[in-house]
C-alpha atoms as a PDB file:
ATOM      1  CA  MET A   1     -68.003   7.872  95.816  1.00  0.00           C
ATOM      2  CA  ASN A   2     -69.721  10.813  97.474  1.00  0.00           C
ATOM      3  CA  LYS A   3     -72.719  12.188  95.620  1.00  0.00           C
ATOM      4  CA  ASP A   4     -74.359  15.564  96.137  1.00  0.00           C
ATOM      5  CA  PHE A   5     -78.057  14.890  95.531  1.00  0.00           C
ATOM      6  CA  LYS A   6     -79.172  18.420  96.452  1.00  0.00           C
ATOM      7  CA  GLU A   7     -78.279  19.967  93.084  1.00  0.00           C
ATOM      8  CA  TRP A   8     -80.114  17.203  91.215  1.00  0.00           C
ATOM      9  CA  HIS A   9     -83.204  17.667  93.387  1.00  0.00           C
ATOM     10  CA  ASN A  10     -83.230  21.394  92.537  1.00  0.00           C
ATOM     11  CA  GLN A  11     -82.979  20.653  88.826  1.00  0.00           C
ATOM     12  CA  LYS A  12     -85.597  17.893  89.023  1.00  0.00           C
ATOM     13  CA  SER A  13     -88.010  20.322  90.647  1.00  0.00           C
ATOM     14  CA  ASP A  14     -87.337  22.868  87.899  1.00  0.00           C
ATOM     15  CA  LEU A  15     -87.967  20.244  85.178  1.00  0.00           C
ATOM     16  CA  HIS A  16     -91.229  19.267  86.822  1.00  0.00           C
ATOM     17  CA  GLU A  17     -92.494  22.829  87.200  1.00  0.00           C
ATOM     18  CA  ASN A  18     -91.142  24.624  84.124  1.00  0.00           C
ATOM     19  CA  LYS A  19     -90.083  22.264  81.329  1.00  0.00           C
ATOM     20  CA  VAL A  20     -92.263  22.023  78.231  1.00  0.00           C
ATOM     21  CA  ARG A  21     -92.785  18.450  77.072  1.00  0.00           C
ATOM     22  CA  ALA A  22     -90.724  17.406  74.064  1.00  0.00           C
ATOM     23  CA  PHE A  23     -92.232  16.001  70.868  1.00  0.00           C
ATOM     24  CA  PHE A  24     -90.650  12.572  70.388  1.00  0.00           C
ATOM     25  CA  HIS A  25     -90.940   9.230  68.585  1.00  0.00           C
ATOM     26  CA  GLU A  26     -89.724   5.675  69.060  1.00  0.00           C
ATOM     27  CA  ARG A  27     -86.193   4.927  67.735  1.00  0.00           C
ATOM     28  CA  GLU A  28     -84.993   8.443  68.475  1.00  0.00           C
ATOM     29  CA  VAL A  29     -81.847   9.020  70.530  1.00  0.00           C
ATOM     30  CA  TRP A  30     -81.990  11.953  72.947  1.00  0.00           C
ATOM     31  CA  PHE A  31     -79.931  13.462  75.691  1.00  0.00           C
ATOM     32  CA  ALA A  32     -82.154  13.215  78.756  1.00  0.00           C
ATOM     33  CA  SER A  33     -81.818  14.570  82.279  1.00  0.00           C
ATOM     34  CA  VAL A  34     -81.706  11.211  84.049  1.00  0.00           C
ATOM     35  CA  GLY A  35     -80.230  12.682  87.183  1.00  0.00           C
ATOM     36  CA  MET A  36     -78.009  11.598  90.018  1.00  0.00           C
ATOM     37  CA  ASN A  37     -78.937   8.027  90.833  1.00  0.00           C
ATOM     38  CA  ILE A  38     -78.291   5.496  93.566  1.00  0.00           C
ATOM     39  CA  GLY A  39     -75.622   2.790  93.549  1.00  0.00           C
ATOM     40  CA  PHE A  40     -74.994   1.235  90.128  1.00  0.00           C
ATOM     41  CA  GLU A  41     -77.852   3.006  88.323  1.00  0.00           C
ATOM     42  CA  GLN A  42     -76.580   5.061  85.392  1.00  0.00           C
ATOM     43  CA  ASP A  43     -76.108   8.730  86.289  1.00  0.00           C
ATOM     44  CA  GLY A  44     -76.420  11.711  84.037  1.00  0.00           C
ATOM     45  CA  ARG A  45     -73.327  13.847  83.518  1.00  0.00           C
ATOM     46  CA  GLY A  46     -72.582  17.547  83.665  1.00  0.00           C
ATOM     47  CA  ASP A  47     -74.632  20.419  85.020  1.00  0.00           C
ATOM     48  CA  ALA A  48     -77.883  19.088  83.547  1.00  0.00           C
ATOM     49  CA  PHE A  49     -77.233  15.441  84.555  1.00  0.00           C
ATOM     50  CA  LEU A  50     -77.576  14.332  80.921  1.00  0.00           C
ATOM     51  CA  ARG A  51     -77.206  10.866  79.447  1.00  0.00           C
ATOM     52  CA  PRO A  52     -78.055   9.663  75.938  1.00  0.00           C
ATOM     53  CA  VAL A  53     -81.099   7.373  75.785  1.00  0.00           C
ATOM     54  CA  ILE A  54     -83.043   5.487  73.126  1.00  0.00           C
ATOM     55  CA  VAL A  55     -86.789   6.021  73.038  1.00  0.00           C
ATOM     56  CA  LEU A  56     -87.897   2.385  73.122  1.00  0.00           C
ATOM     57  CA  LYS A  57     -91.658   2.742  73.609  1.00  0.00           C
ATOM     58  CA  LYS A  58     -93.909   5.807  73.460  1.00  0.00           C
ATOM     59  CA  PHE A  59     -96.979   5.196  75.635  1.00  0.00           C
ATOM     60  CA  ASN A  60     -98.539   8.621  75.051  1.00  0.00           C
ATOM     61  CA  ASN A  61     -97.357  12.222  74.631  1.00  0.00           C
ATOM     62  CA  GLU A  62     -96.071  12.319  78.211  1.00  0.00           C
ATOM     63  CA  VAL A  63     -94.263   9.067  79.130  1.00  0.00           C
ATOM     64  CA  LEU A  64     -91.901   6.614  77.491  1.00  0.00           C
ATOM     65  CA  TRP A  65     -89.630   3.685  78.113  1.00  0.00           C
ATOM     66  CA  CYS A  66     -86.010   4.527  77.452  1.00  0.00           C
ATOM     67  CA  ILE A  67     -82.716   2.675  77.571  1.00  0.00           C
ATOM     68  CA  PRO A  68     -79.582   4.582  78.621  1.00  0.00           C
ATOM     69  CA  LEU A  69     -76.492   4.456  76.403  1.00  0.00           C
ATOM     70  CA  THR A  70     -72.775   4.414  77.053  1.00  0.00           C
ATOM     71  CA  LYS A  71     -69.743   5.015  74.807  1.00  0.00           C
ATOM     72  CA  ASN A  72     -67.950   2.119  76.503  1.00  0.00           C
ATOM     73  CA  GLN A  73     -67.975  -1.079  74.482  1.00  0.00           C
ATOM     74  CA  LYS A  74     -69.618  -3.799  76.576  1.00  0.00           C
ATOM     75  CA  LYS A  75     -70.585  -7.339  75.677  1.00  0.00           C
ATOM     76  CA  GLY A  76     -73.070  -9.788  77.135  1.00  0.00           C
ATOM     77  CA  LYS A  77     -76.784 -10.354  77.370  1.00  0.00           C
ATOM     78  CA  TYR A  78     -77.381  -7.041  79.167  1.00  0.00           C
ATOM     79  CA  TYR A  79     -75.851  -4.904  76.378  1.00  0.00           C
ATOM     80  CA  TYR A  80     -76.451  -4.111  72.727  1.00  0.00           C
ATOM     81  CA  SER A  81     -73.905  -2.178  70.636  1.00  0.00           C
ATOM     82  CA  PHE A  82     -74.873  -0.333  67.463  1.00  0.00           C
ATOM     83  CA  PRO A  83     -73.522   2.433  65.204  1.00  0.00           C
ATOM     84  CA  LEU A  84     -74.567   5.958  66.138  1.00  0.00           C
ATOM     85  CA  GLY A  85     -73.228   8.970  64.308  1.00  0.00           C
ATOM     86  CA  LYS A  86     -69.522   8.474  63.653  1.00  0.00           C
ATOM     87  CA  GLY A  87     -69.057   6.002  66.499  1.00  0.00           C
ATOM     88  CA  VAL A  88     -70.578   3.074  68.322  1.00  0.00           C
ATOM     89  CA  SER A  89     -72.903   3.262  71.337  1.00  0.00           C
ATOM     90  CA  THR A  90     -73.929   0.509  73.710  1.00  0.00           C
ATOM     91  CA  ALA A  91     -77.439   0.258  75.115  1.00  0.00           C
ATOM     92  CA  ILE A  92     -77.568  -0.912  78.739  1.00  0.00           C
ATOM     93  CA  LEU A  93     -80.643  -3.145  78.521  1.00  0.00           C
ATOM     94  CA  SER A  94     -80.791  -3.873  82.248  1.00  0.00           C
ATOM     95  CA  GLN A  95     -81.298  -0.146  82.927  1.00  0.00           C
ATOM     96  CA  ILE A  96     -84.587   0.263  81.007  1.00  0.00           C
ATOM     97  CA  ARG A  97     -86.791   2.834  82.709  1.00  0.00           C
ATOM     98  CA  LEU A  98     -90.013   4.791  82.439  1.00  0.00           C
ATOM     99  CA  ILE A  99     -89.525   8.555  82.247  1.00  0.00           C
ATOM    100  CA  ASP A 100     -91.635  11.630  81.625  1.00  0.00           C
ATOM    101  CA  CYS A 101     -90.725  13.322  78.358  1.00  0.00           C
ATOM    102  CA  LYS A 102     -89.985  16.523  80.300  1.00  0.00           C
ATOM    103  CA  ARG A 103     -86.609  14.862  80.940  1.00  0.00           C
ATOM    104  CA  LEU A 104     -85.813  14.848  77.182  1.00  0.00           C
ATOM    105  CA  GLN A 105     -83.522  17.789  76.424  1.00  0.00           C
ATOM    106  CA  TYR A 106     -82.429  17.486  72.781  1.00  0.00           C
ATOM    107  CA  LYS A 107     -82.464  14.894  70.032  1.00  0.00           C
ATOM    108  CA  ILE A 108     -79.103  13.657  68.733  1.00  0.00           C
ATOM    109  CA  GLY A 109     -80.156  11.097  66.140  1.00  0.00           C
ATOM    110  CA  ASP A 110     -82.200   8.087  65.171  1.00  0.00           C
ATOM    111  CA  MET A 111     -81.509   4.380  65.527  1.00  0.00           C
ATOM    112  CA  ASP A 112     -82.035   2.519  62.245  1.00  0.00           C
ATOM    113  CA  GLN A 113     -84.977   0.125  62.044  1.00  0.00           C
ATOM    114  CA  LYS A 114     -82.829  -3.038  61.814  1.00  0.00           C
ATOM    115  CA  ASN A 115     -80.926  -2.277  65.022  1.00  0.00           C
ATOM    116  CA  PHE A 116     -84.112  -1.120  66.741  1.00  0.00           C
ATOM    117  CA  ASP A 117     -85.805  -4.446  65.930  1.00  0.00           C
ATOM    118  CA  GLU A 118     -82.727  -6.329  67.180  1.00  0.00           C
ATOM    119  CA  ILE A 119     -82.599  -4.404  70.453  1.00  0.00           C
ATOM    120  CA  LYS A 120     -86.299  -5.124  71.066  1.00  0.00           C
ATOM    121  CA  GLU A 121     -85.712  -8.831  70.413  1.00  0.00           C
ATOM    122  CA  LYS A 122     -82.708  -8.896  72.744  1.00  0.00           C
ATOM    123  CA  LEU A 123     -84.774  -7.146  75.431  1.00  0.00           C
ATOM    124  CA  LYS A 124     -87.583  -9.700  75.019  1.00  0.00           C
ATOM    125  CA  GLN A 125     -85.064 -12.517  75.512  1.00  0.00           C
ATOM    126  CA  LEU A 126     -83.717 -10.813  78.609  1.00  0.00           C
ATOM    127  CA  LEU A 127     -87.189 -10.445  80.135  1.00  0.00           C
ATOM    128  CA  ALA A 128     -88.383 -13.976  79.271  1.00  0.00           C
END
C-alpha cells in the first residue's frame, strides 16, 4: 500500500504550532489525530487522520498513554473488547503509545470503571 506522508506531516506541524491542549481524564475515549504510520502501526482515518483511543494514563496536563481502538472484533492476548455507545470496540493493547494531548480532537465517551480496571490488568499481564 502506498502512503502519502506529506499531508500528515503538514497536519502534524499545524497541530504542534496551533492546537490548544485538550482537557482530559483517564477512562475517556477520544478521537485523536494519530496520523499516518509505518507498517502495521494503526493509522488514523480521514482528512484529520483520526482514530478513537482510550486515555489509559494521564501523566500531566500535556501527555498521556493511550490505546487505539478498532470496530473489528478481535480476540487474543493483545486485544480487549468492551461495550462503547451502541456497539462494541476493541482496544489494541500492543499499540499503546505516549501522545501529547494536542492530538486529542473530541471526546466521544467514557469507558466504565469495571472495563477500565480489566483492561489495565490485561495490559499488566501482557507486559509481565
